[in-house]
């Protein structure tokens, strides 16, 4: 495949002001893992300069090997018992009003990491009682008993990314299944929590397939949607098939709102936690 040249609308400038430096210092001092760095997010300077970061728990080594993702794959270390309190302390130091937490997949653990997730949410809320909290979770292999551990810790929004359309899922995601992800979101919504999901474009999907994925998400009870451009993070990851125009992103945004989503972020540089603080107003 011919390597596509990145269009002008995807070129960003990097600025490291005082707020960025402060967040970076906290991340470094506390040995925190962030998806901002491991995912090579293009919005890192913008978000860190605003004093926000998406923290990643359960280590930085994932048990899955999705073709779009730059996170390290291998045999993870045991979860750190100190991590829940460490994350809670770090969020307090950052003086966040809204926090996002995500994790690698831990298919190696008996409970797939669900109890560690619950302890982290509880610790964050205990130390930061006024905070609103979004969690971006793995699929826990579709197990509702494990999802309930997270739900019963009472985060404000639970996000799980569908990532791509049905046809491309086996090609893009290593172990996750399209219908399992929909069942995860359906269970979250049925339990009365705001269910949020994200889709990438530029992987070879058609606009009709995108509209079908939106319908599937709405039928599952998802009310918040993010749509962003896939950008190849390294040579080992799958290549970009297409750079979708800002105009097409706007069409997707209009279509999603018409289908009943409460909130939609759709633009080339949008990522899962982009403007996450605004999504707290979404309806269950």
C-alpha atoms as a PDB file:
ATOM      1  CA  UNK A   1       0.000   0.000   0.000  1.00  0.00           C
ATOM      2  CA  UNK A   2       1.251   3.500  -0.811  1.00  0.00           C
ATOM      3  CA  UNK A   3       2.018   5.530   2.295  1.00  0.00           C
ATOM      4  CA  UNK A   4      -0.425   8.445   2.507  1.00  0.00           C
ATOM      5  CA  UNK A   5       0.845  11.931   3.163  1.00  0.00           C
ATOM      6  CA  UNK A   6      -0.674  13.513   6.264  1.00  0.00           C
ATOM      7  CA  UNK A   7      -2.981  16.405   5.287  1.00  0.00           C
ATOM      8  CA  UNK A   8      -2.603  19.906   6.679  1.00  0.00           C
ATOM      9  CA  UNK A   9      -5.627  19.592   8.967  1.00  0.00           C
ATOM     10  CA  UNK A  10      -3.874  16.854  10.962  1.00  0.00           C
ATOM     11  CA  UNK A  11      -0.682  18.792  11.634  1.00  0.00           C
ATOM     12  CA  UNK A  12      -0.488  20.079  15.198  1.00  0.00           C
ATOM     13  CA  UNK A  13       1.949  22.323  17.021  1.00  0.00           C
ATOM     14  CA  UNK A  14       3.465  21.292  20.330  1.00  0.00           C
ATOM     15  CA  UNK A  15       3.667  23.763  23.195  1.00  0.00           C
ATOM     16  CA  UNK A  16       5.005  23.018  26.660  1.00  0.00           C
ATOM     17  CA  UNK A  17       3.856  25.747  29.035  1.00  0.00           C
ATOM     18  CA  UNK A  18       3.983  25.788  32.828  1.00  0.00           C
ATOM     19  CA  UNK A  19       0.807  23.738  33.291  1.00  0.00           C
ATOM     20  CA  UNK A  20       2.097  21.082  30.875  1.00  0.00           C
ATOM     21  CA  UNK A  21       5.364  20.891  32.796  1.00  0.00           C
ATOM     22  CA  UNK A  22       3.510  20.539  36.101  1.00  0.00           C
ATOM     23  CA  UNK A  23       1.390  17.624  34.862  1.00  0.00           C
ATOM     24  CA  UNK A  24       4.453  15.961  33.306  1.00  0.00           C
ATOM     25  CA  UNK A  25       6.334  16.317  36.584  1.00  0.00           C
ATOM     26  CA  UNK A  26       3.519  14.640  38.533  1.00  0.00           C
ATOM     27  CA  UNK A  27       3.261  11.830  35.968  1.00  0.00           C
ATOM     28  CA  UNK A  28       7.031  11.273  36.089  1.00  0.00           C
ATOM     29  CA  UNK A  29       7.432  11.574  39.871  1.00  0.00           C
ATOM     30  CA  UNK A  30       4.638   9.108  40.581  1.00  0.00           C
ATOM     31  CA  UNK A  31       5.647   6.695  37.801  1.00  0.00           C
ATOM     32  CA  UNK A  32       2.173   6.962  36.298  1.00  0.00           C
ATOM     33  CA  UNK A  33       1.198   5.410  32.990  1.00  0.00           C
ATOM     34  CA  UNK A  34      -0.909   7.588  30.706  1.00  0.00           C
ATOM     35  CA  UNK A  35      -2.593   6.758  27.439  1.00  0.00           C
ATOM     36  CA  UNK A  36      -1.530  10.264  26.404  1.00  0.00           C
ATOM     37  CA  UNK A  37       2.046   9.033  26.030  1.00  0.00           C
ATOM     38  CA  UNK A  38       1.611   5.322  25.263  1.00  0.00           C
ATOM     39  CA  UNK A  39      -1.013   6.115  22.615  1.00  0.00           C
ATOM     40  CA  UNK A  40       1.033   9.028  21.238  1.00  0.00           C
ATOM     41  CA  UNK A  41      -2.045  11.249  21.423  1.00  0.00           C
ATOM     42  CA  UNK A  42      -1.846  14.353  19.197  1.00  0.00           C
ATOM     43  CA  UNK A  43      -3.685  16.401  21.836  1.00  0.00           C
ATOM     44  CA  UNK A  44      -1.173  15.803  24.637  1.00  0.00           C
ATOM     45  CA  UNK A  45       0.156  19.362  24.837  1.00  0.00           C
ATOM     46  CA  UNK A  46      -3.375  20.827  24.697  1.00  0.00           C
ATOM     47  CA  UNK A  47      -4.753  18.543  27.413  1.00  0.00           C
ATOM     48  CA  UNK A  48      -1.749  18.634  29.720  1.00  0.00           C
ATOM     49  CA  UNK A  49      -1.595  22.417  29.387  1.00  0.00           C
ATOM     50  CA  UNK A  50      -5.204  22.491  30.623  1.00  0.00           C
ATOM     51  CA  UNK A  51      -4.170  20.314  33.576  1.00  0.00           C
ATOM     52  CA  UNK A  52      -5.909  17.150  32.405  1.00  0.00           C
ATOM     53  CA  UNK A  53      -4.574  13.693  31.645  1.00  0.00           C
ATOM     54  CA  UNK A  54      -5.974  10.219  31.030  1.00  0.00           C
ATOM     55  CA  UNK A  55      -4.324   7.882  33.521  1.00  0.00           C
ATOM     56  CA  UNK A  56      -3.743   4.226  32.665  1.00  0.00           C
ATOM     57  CA  UNK A  57      -3.862   1.619  35.425  1.00  0.00           C
ATOM     58  CA  UNK A  58      -2.813  -2.044  35.660  1.00  0.00           C
ATOM     59  CA  UNK A  59       0.579  -1.403  34.095  1.00  0.00           C
ATOM     60  CA  UNK A  60       1.662  -0.563  30.575  1.00  0.00           C
ATOM     61  CA  UNK A  61       1.849  -4.083  29.108  1.00  0.00           C
ATOM     62  CA  UNK A  62      -1.319  -5.371  27.439  1.00  0.00           C
ATOM     63  CA  UNK A  63      -2.266  -9.021  26.949  1.00  0.00           C
ATOM     64  CA  UNK A  64      -3.824  -8.213  23.575  1.00  0.00           C
ATOM     65  CA  UNK A  65      -2.232  -7.114  20.324  1.00  0.00           C
ATOM     66  CA  UNK A  66      -4.660  -4.885  18.431  1.00  0.00           C
ATOM     67  CA  UNK A  67      -3.221  -3.718  15.116  1.00  0.00           C
ATOM     68  CA  UNK A  68      -4.110  -0.060  15.643  1.00  0.00           C
ATOM     69  CA  UNK A  69      -2.659   0.275  19.151  1.00  0.00           C
ATOM     70  CA  UNK A  70       0.872   1.232  20.155  1.00  0.00           C
ATOM     71  CA  UNK A  71       0.658  -0.123  23.717  1.00  0.00           C
ATOM     72  CA  UNK A  72       3.270  -2.777  24.542  1.00  0.00           C
ATOM     73  CA  UNK A  73       2.047  -6.374  24.225  1.00  0.00           C
ATOM     74  CA  UNK A  74       3.435  -9.164  26.397  1.00  0.00           C
ATOM     75  CA  UNK A  75       3.283 -10.716  29.867  1.00  0.00           C
ATOM     76  CA  UNK A  76       2.284  -8.005  32.360  1.00  0.00           C
ATOM     77  CA  UNK A  77       3.624  -7.611  35.877  1.00  0.00           C
ATOM     78  CA  UNK A  78       1.276  -8.291  38.818  1.00  0.00           C
ATOM     79  CA  UNK A  79      -0.948  -5.293  39.662  1.00  0.00           C
ATOM     80  CA  UNK A  80       0.523  -2.874  42.184  1.00  0.00           C
ATOM     81  CA  UNK A  81      -1.438  -2.865  45.438  1.00  0.00           C
ATOM     82  CA  UNK A  82      -0.427   0.766  45.972  1.00  0.00           C
ATOM     83  CA  UNK A  83      -1.720   1.953  42.595  1.00  0.00           C
ATOM     84  CA  UNK A  84      -5.300   2.906  43.617  1.00  0.00           C
ATOM     85  CA  UNK A  85      -4.036   5.290  46.324  1.00  0.00           C
ATOM     86  CA  UNK A  86      -1.228   6.507  44.091  1.00  0.00           C
ATOM     87  CA  UNK A  87      -3.679   7.431  41.325  1.00  0.00           C
ATOM     88  CA  UNK A  88      -5.983   9.125  43.848  1.00  0.00           C
ATOM     89  CA  UNK A  89      -3.072  11.171  45.248  1.00  0.00           C
ATOM     90  CA  UNK A  90      -1.925  12.167  41.774  1.00  0.00           C
ATOM     91  CA  UNK A  91      -5.365  13.368  40.728  1.00  0.00           C
ATOM     92  CA  UNK A  92      -5.492  15.443  43.898  1.00  0.00           C
ATOM     93  CA  UNK A  93      -2.069  16.954  43.117  1.00  0.00           C
ATOM     94  CA  UNK A  94      -3.200  17.788  39.582  1.00  0.00           C
ATOM     95  CA  UNK A  95      -6.256  19.530  41.087  1.00  0.00           C
ATOM     96  CA  UNK A  96      -8.527  17.928  38.522  1.00  0.00           C
ATOM     97  CA  UNK A  97     -12.269  18.548  38.547  1.00  0.00           C
ATOM     98  CA  UNK A  98     -12.862  15.763  36.041  1.00  0.00           C
ATOM     99  CA  UNK A  99     -10.612  12.741  35.576  1.00  0.00           C
ATOM    100  CA  UNK A 100     -10.427   9.928  33.033  1.00  0.00           C
ATOM    101  CA  UNK A 101      -8.942   6.523  33.858  1.00  0.00           C
ATOM    102  CA  UNK A 102      -8.299   3.706  31.411  1.00  0.00           C
ATOM    103  CA  UNK A 103      -6.311   0.460  31.435  1.00  0.00           C
ATOM    104  CA  UNK A 104      -4.616  -2.173  29.371  1.00  0.00           C
ATOM    105  CA  UNK A 105      -6.397  -5.512  28.908  1.00  0.00           C
ATOM    106  CA  UNK A 106      -5.477  -7.983  31.665  1.00  0.00           C
ATOM    107  CA  UNK A 107      -6.732 -11.311  30.356  1.00  0.00           C
ATOM    108  CA  UNK A 108      -4.025 -12.922  32.518  1.00  0.00           C
ATOM    109  CA  UNK A 109      -5.819 -12.123  35.792  1.00  0.00           C
ATOM    110  CA  UNK A 110      -8.617 -14.321  37.226  1.00  0.00           C
ATOM    111  CA  UNK A 111     -10.990 -11.342  37.395  1.00  0.00           C
ATOM    112  CA  UNK A 112      -9.411  -9.619  34.353  1.00  0.00           C
ATOM    113  CA  UNK A 113      -8.510  -6.657  36.583  1.00  0.00           C
ATOM    114  CA  UNK A 114     -12.076  -5.730  37.589  1.00  0.00           C
ATOM    115  CA  UNK A 115     -11.479  -5.655  41.361  1.00  0.00           C
ATOM    116  CA  UNK A 116      -8.413  -3.443  40.880  1.00  0.00           C
ATOM    117  CA  UNK A 117     -10.564  -1.138  38.760  1.00  0.00           C
ATOM    118  CA  UNK A 118     -13.166  -0.941  41.560  1.00  0.00           C
ATOM    119  CA  UNK A 119     -10.532  -0.206  44.220  1.00  0.00           C
ATOM    120  CA  UNK A 120      -9.046   2.559  42.077  1.00  0.00           C
ATOM    121  CA  UNK A 121     -12.393   4.259  41.474  1.00  0.00           C
ATOM    122  CA  UNK A 122     -13.249   4.062  45.193  1.00  0.00           C
ATOM    123  CA  UNK A 123      -9.854   5.478  46.203  1.00  0.00           C
ATOM    124  CA  UNK A 124     -10.094   8.354  43.711  1.00  0.00           C
ATOM    125  CA  UNK A 125     -13.587   9.339  44.847  1.00  0.00           C
ATOM    126  CA  UNK A 126     -12.699   9.032  48.548  1.00  0.00           C
ATOM    127  CA  UNK A 127      -9.713  11.374  48.210  1.00  0.00           C
ATOM    128  CA  UNK A 128     -11.390  13.679  45.664  1.00  0.00           C
ATOM    129  CA  UNK A 129     -15.062  13.807  46.761  1.00  0.00           C
ATOM    130  CA  UNK A 130     -16.073  16.625  44.403  1.00  0.00           C
ATOM    131  CA  UNK A 131     -14.538  15.076  41.299  1.00  0.00           C
ATOM    132  CA  UNK A 132     -16.482  13.688  38.349  1.00  0.00           C
ATOM    133  CA  UNK A 133     -14.989  10.545  36.905  1.00  0.00           C
ATOM    134  CA  UNK A 134     -15.029   8.798  33.538  1.00  0.00           C
ATOM    135  CA  UNK A 135     -13.595   5.321  33.115  1.00  0.00           C
ATOM    136  CA  UNK A 136     -12.626   3.857  29.740  1.00  0.00           C
ATOM    137  CA  UNK A 137     -12.745   0.112  30.320  1.00  0.00           C
ATOM    138  CA  UNK A 138     -11.811  -3.077  28.443  1.00  0.00           C
ATOM    139  CA  UNK A 139     -14.532  -5.584  27.589  1.00  0.00           C
ATOM    140  CA  UNK A 140     -13.845  -7.959  30.534  1.00  0.00           C
ATOM    141  CA  UNK A 141     -14.637 -10.663  27.967  1.00  0.00           C
ATOM    142  CA  UNK A 142     -18.290  -9.621  28.204  1.00  0.00           C
ATOM    143  CA  UNK A 143     -18.678 -10.888  31.785  1.00  0.00           C
ATOM    144  CA  UNK A 144     -21.465  -8.941  33.469  1.00  0.00           C
ATOM    145  CA  UNK A 145     -20.353  -9.963  36.971  1.00  0.00           C
ATOM    146  CA  UNK A 146     -17.033  -8.215  36.396  1.00  0.00           C
ATOM    147  CA  UNK A 147     -18.662  -5.190  34.773  1.00  0.00           C
ATOM    148  CA  UNK A 148     -20.842  -4.895  37.866  1.00  0.00           C
ATOM    149  CA  UNK A 149     -17.755  -4.518  40.074  1.00  0.00           C
ATOM    150  CA  UNK A 150     -16.885  -1.389  38.108  1.00  0.00           C
ATOM    151  CA  UNK A 151     -20.470  -0.130  37.908  1.00  0.00           C
ATOM    152  CA  UNK A 152     -20.998  -0.541  41.667  1.00  0.00           C
ATOM    153  CA  UNK A 153     -17.969   1.690  42.345  1.00  0.00           C
ATOM    154  CA  UNK A 154     -20.134   4.481  40.832  1.00  0.00           C
ATOM    155  CA  UNK A 155     -18.095   6.288  38.184  1.00  0.00           C
ATOM    156  CA  UNK A 156     -20.093   8.996  36.426  1.00  0.00           C
ATOM    157  CA  UNK A 157     -19.480   7.772  32.868  1.00  0.00           C
ATOM    158  CA  UNK A 158     -18.366   4.365  31.656  1.00  0.00           C
ATOM    159  CA  UNK A 159     -16.822   4.319  28.222  1.00  0.00           C
ATOM    160  CA  UNK A 160     -15.961   1.277  26.119  1.00  0.00           C
ATOM    161  CA  UNK A 161     -14.774   1.775  22.568  1.00  0.00           C
ATOM    162  CA  UNK A 162     -16.313  -0.130  19.683  1.00  0.00           C
ATOM    163  CA  UNK A 163     -13.294   1.184  17.722  1.00  0.00           C
ATOM    164  CA  UNK A 164     -14.432   0.253  14.193  1.00  0.00           C
ATOM    165  CA  UNK A 165     -17.271  -1.134  12.077  1.00  0.00           C
ATOM    166  CA  UNK A 166     -18.397  -4.757  12.200  1.00  0.00           C
ATOM    167  CA  UNK A 167     -16.638  -5.891   9.005  1.00  0.00           C
ATOM    168  CA  UNK A 168     -13.237  -4.566  10.065  1.00  0.00           C
ATOM    169  CA  UNK A 169     -13.324  -5.672  13.715  1.00  0.00           C
ATOM    170  CA  UNK A 170     -11.544  -9.047  13.218  1.00  0.00           C
ATOM    171  CA  UNK A 171      -8.827  -7.294  11.216  1.00  0.00           C
ATOM    172  CA  UNK A 172      -8.336  -4.332  13.575  1.00  0.00           C
ATOM    173  CA  UNK A 173      -8.863  -5.813  17.065  1.00  0.00           C
ATOM    174  CA  UNK A 174      -6.970  -8.905  18.214  1.00  0.00           C
ATOM    175  CA  UNK A 175      -9.431 -10.527  20.640  1.00  0.00           C
ATOM    176  CA  UNK A 176     -12.347  -8.153  21.089  1.00  0.00           C
ATOM    177  CA  UNK A 177     -15.583  -8.918  19.276  1.00  0.00           C
ATOM    178  CA  UNK A 178     -18.059  -6.414  17.892  1.00  0.00           C
ATOM    179  CA  UNK A 179     -21.130  -7.954  19.525  1.00  0.00           C
ATOM    180  CA  UNK A 180     -19.364  -8.442  22.859  1.00  0.00           C
ATOM    181  CA  UNK A 181     -18.525  -4.732  22.932  1.00  0.00           C
ATOM    182  CA  UNK A 182     -22.154  -3.892  22.191  1.00  0.00           C
ATOM    183  CA  UNK A 183     -23.280  -6.195  25.025  1.00  0.00           C
ATOM    184  CA  UNK A 184     -20.887  -4.403  27.405  1.00  0.00           C
ATOM    185  CA  UNK A 185     -22.357  -1.019  26.499  1.00  0.00           C
ATOM    186  CA  UNK A 186     -25.902  -2.376  26.720  1.00  0.00           C
ATOM    187  CA  UNK A 187     -25.292  -3.676  30.246  1.00  0.00           C
ATOM    188  CA  UNK A 188     -23.786  -0.347  31.344  1.00  0.00           C
ATOM    189  CA  UNK A 189     -26.783   1.580  30.006  1.00  0.00           C
ATOM    190  CA  UNK A 190     -29.265  -0.838  31.571  1.00  0.00           C
ATOM    191  CA  UNK A 191     -27.636  -0.261  34.946  1.00  0.00           C
ATOM    192  CA  UNK A 192     -28.345   3.471  34.665  1.00  0.00           C
ATOM    193  CA  UNK A 193     -24.821   4.727  33.920  1.00  0.00           C
ATOM    194  CA  UNK A 194     -23.963   7.007  30.996  1.00  0.00           C
ATOM    195  CA  UNK A 195     -22.593   4.690  28.280  1.00  0.00           C
ATOM    196  CA  UNK A 196     -20.015   6.210  25.934  1.00  0.00           C
ATOM    197  CA  UNK A 197     -18.106   4.780  22.983  1.00  0.00           C
ATOM    198  CA  UNK A 198     -15.588   5.756  20.329  1.00  0.00           C
ATOM    199  CA  UNK A 199     -15.019   4.967  16.645  1.00  0.00           C
ATOM    200  CA  UNK A 200     -11.944   5.471  14.479  1.00  0.00           C
ATOM    201  CA  UNK A 201     -12.166   6.238  10.784  1.00  0.00           C
ATOM    202  CA  UNK A 202      -9.668   5.925   7.974  1.00  0.00           C
ATOM    203  CA  UNK A 203      -9.342   2.144   8.328  1.00  0.00           C
ATOM    204  CA  UNK A 204     -11.229   1.303   5.154  1.00  0.00           C
ATOM    205  CA  UNK A 205     -14.790   1.603   6.447  1.00  0.00           C
ATOM    206  CA  UNK A 206     -17.594   2.999   4.295  1.00  0.00           C
ATOM    207  CA  UNK A 207     -19.961   5.766   5.356  1.00  0.00           C
ATOM    208  CA  UNK A 208     -22.859   3.270   5.308  1.00  0.00           C
ATOM    209  CA  UNK A 209     -20.948   1.012   7.685  1.00  0.00           C
ATOM    210  CA  UNK A 210     -20.339   3.961   9.986  1.00  0.00           C
ATOM    211  CA  UNK A 211     -24.053   4.759  10.034  1.00  0.00           C
ATOM    212  CA  UNK A 212     -24.792   1.101  10.807  1.00  0.00           C
ATOM    213  CA  UNK A 213     -22.316   1.182  13.719  1.00  0.00           C
ATOM    214  CA  UNK A 214     -24.029   4.320  15.047  1.00  0.00           C
ATOM    215  CA  UNK A 215     -27.389   2.518  14.906  1.00  0.00           C
ATOM    216  CA  UNK A 216     -25.935  -0.468  16.751  1.00  0.00           C
ATOM    217  CA  UNK A 217     -24.531   1.784  19.464  1.00  0.00           C
ATOM    218  CA  UNK A 218     -27.812   3.631  19.903  1.00  0.00           C
ATOM    219  CA  UNK A 219     -29.732   0.349  20.144  1.00  0.00           C
ATOM    220  CA  UNK A 220     -27.300  -0.672  22.894  1.00  0.00           C
ATOM    221  CA  UNK A 221     -28.144   2.498  24.849  1.00  0.00           C
ATOM    222  CA  UNK A 222     -24.969   4.456  24.117  1.00  0.00           C
ATOM    223  CA  UNK A 223     -25.583   8.220  24.427  1.00  0.00           C
ATOM    224  CA  UNK A 224     -22.090   9.740  23.967  1.00  0.00           C
ATOM    225  CA  UNK A 225     -19.951   9.131  20.876  1.00  0.00           C
ATOM    226  CA  UNK A 226     -16.481  10.213  19.776  1.00  0.00           C
ATOM    227  CA  UNK A 227     -15.247   9.853  16.193  1.00  0.00           C
ATOM    228  CA  UNK A 228     -11.629  10.526  15.250  1.00  0.00           C
ATOM    229  CA  UNK A 229      -9.071   9.849  12.562  1.00  0.00           C
ATOM    230  CA  UNK A 230      -6.895   6.764  12.943  1.00  0.00           C
ATOM    231  CA  UNK A 231      -3.229   7.708  12.665  1.00  0.00           C
ATOM    232  CA  UNK A 232      -0.572   5.009  12.433  1.00  0.00           C
ATOM    233  CA  UNK A 233       1.438   5.327  15.684  1.00  0.00           C
ATOM    234  CA  UNK A 234       4.407   3.225  14.518  1.00  0.00           C
ATOM    235  CA  UNK A 235       5.600   1.178  11.554  1.00  0.00           C
ATOM    236  CA  UNK A 236       4.438  -2.053  13.205  1.00  0.00           C
ATOM    237  CA  UNK A 237       0.845  -0.855  13.289  1.00  0.00           C
ATOM    238  CA  UNK A 238      -1.626  -1.046  10.432  1.00  0.00           C
ATOM    239  CA  UNK A 239      -1.397   1.687   7.816  1.00  0.00           C
ATOM    240  CA  UNK A 240      -3.940   4.452   7.287  1.00  0.00           C
ATOM    241  CA  UNK A 241      -6.262   3.667   4.375  1.00  0.00           C
ATOM    242  CA  UNK A 242      -7.784   7.145   4.116  1.00  0.00           C
ATOM    243  CA  UNK A 243      -7.562  10.564   5.727  1.00  0.00           C
ATOM    244  CA  UNK A 244     -11.176  11.561   6.227  1.00  0.00           C
ATOM    245  CA  UNK A 245     -11.949  15.220   5.545  1.00  0.00           C
ATOM    246  CA  UNK A 246     -13.224  17.618   8.223  1.00  0.00           C
ATOM    247  CA  UNK A 247     -16.393  17.974   6.130  1.00  0.00           C
ATOM    248  CA  UNK A 248     -17.080  14.235   6.363  1.00  0.00           C
ATOM    249  CA  UNK A 249     -16.500  14.334  10.127  1.00  0.00           C
ATOM    250  CA  UNK A 250     -19.111  17.061  10.363  1.00  0.00           C
ATOM    251  CA  UNK A 251     -21.551  14.927   8.382  1.00  0.00           C
ATOM    252  CA  UNK A 252     -20.952  12.052  10.802  1.00  0.00           C
ATOM    253  CA  UNK A 253     -21.597  14.414  13.730  1.00  0.00           C
ATOM    254  CA  UNK A 254     -24.891  15.599  12.239  1.00  0.00           C
ATOM    255  CA  UNK A 255     -25.966  12.026  11.470  1.00  0.00           C
ATOM    256  CA  UNK A 256     -25.134  10.799  14.974  1.00  0.00           C
ATOM    257  CA  UNK A 257     -27.090  13.595  16.628  1.00  0.00           C
ATOM    258  CA  UNK A 258     -30.033  12.848  14.353  1.00  0.00           C
ATOM    259  CA  UNK A 259     -29.898   9.220  15.511  1.00  0.00           C
ATOM    260  CA  UNK A 260     -30.361  10.309  19.113  1.00  0.00           C
ATOM    261  CA  UNK A 261     -26.911  10.614  20.670  1.00  0.00           C
ATOM    262  CA  UNK A 262     -26.861  13.282  23.367  1.00  0.00           C
ATOM    263  CA  UNK A 263     -23.278  14.333  22.723  1.00  0.00           C
ATOM    264  CA  UNK A 264     -21.001  13.771  19.740  1.00  0.00           C
ATOM    265  CA  UNK A 265     -17.372  14.801  19.251  1.00  0.00           C
ATOM    266  CA  UNK A 266     -16.435  14.224  15.611  1.00  0.00           C
ATOM    267  CA  UNK A 267     -13.278  15.741  14.123  1.00  0.00           C
ATOM    268  CA  UNK A 268      -9.910  14.519  12.835  1.00  0.00           C
ATOM    269  CA  UNK A 269      -8.018  14.988  16.107  1.00  0.00           C
ATOM    270  CA  UNK A 270     -10.771  13.766  18.436  1.00  0.00           C
ATOM    271  CA  UNK A 271      -9.763  10.943  20.788  1.00  0.00           C
ATOM    272  CA  UNK A 272     -11.783   8.985  23.365  1.00  0.00           C
ATOM    273  CA  UNK A 273     -11.236  11.409  26.230  1.00  0.00           C
ATOM    274  CA  UNK A 274     -11.299  14.594  24.135  1.00  0.00           C
ATOM    275  CA  UNK A 275     -13.385  17.220  25.976  1.00  0.00           C
ATOM    276  CA  UNK A 276     -14.469  14.441  28.348  1.00  0.00           C
ATOM    277  CA  UNK A 277     -15.398  16.969  31.033  1.00  0.00           C
ATOM    278  CA  UNK A 278     -18.326  18.130  28.862  1.00  0.00           C
ATOM    279  CA  UNK A 279     -19.806  14.646  28.571  1.00  0.00           C
ATOM    280  CA  UNK A 280     -20.800  14.521  32.212  1.00  0.00           C
ATOM    281  CA  UNK A 281     -24.024  16.319  31.234  1.00  0.00           C
ATOM    282  CA  UNK A 282     -25.157  13.453  29.005  1.00  0.00           C
ATOM    283  CA  UNK A 283     -28.361  11.578  29.864  1.00  0.00           C
ATOM    284  CA  UNK A 284     -28.456   7.944  30.991  1.00  0.00           C
END
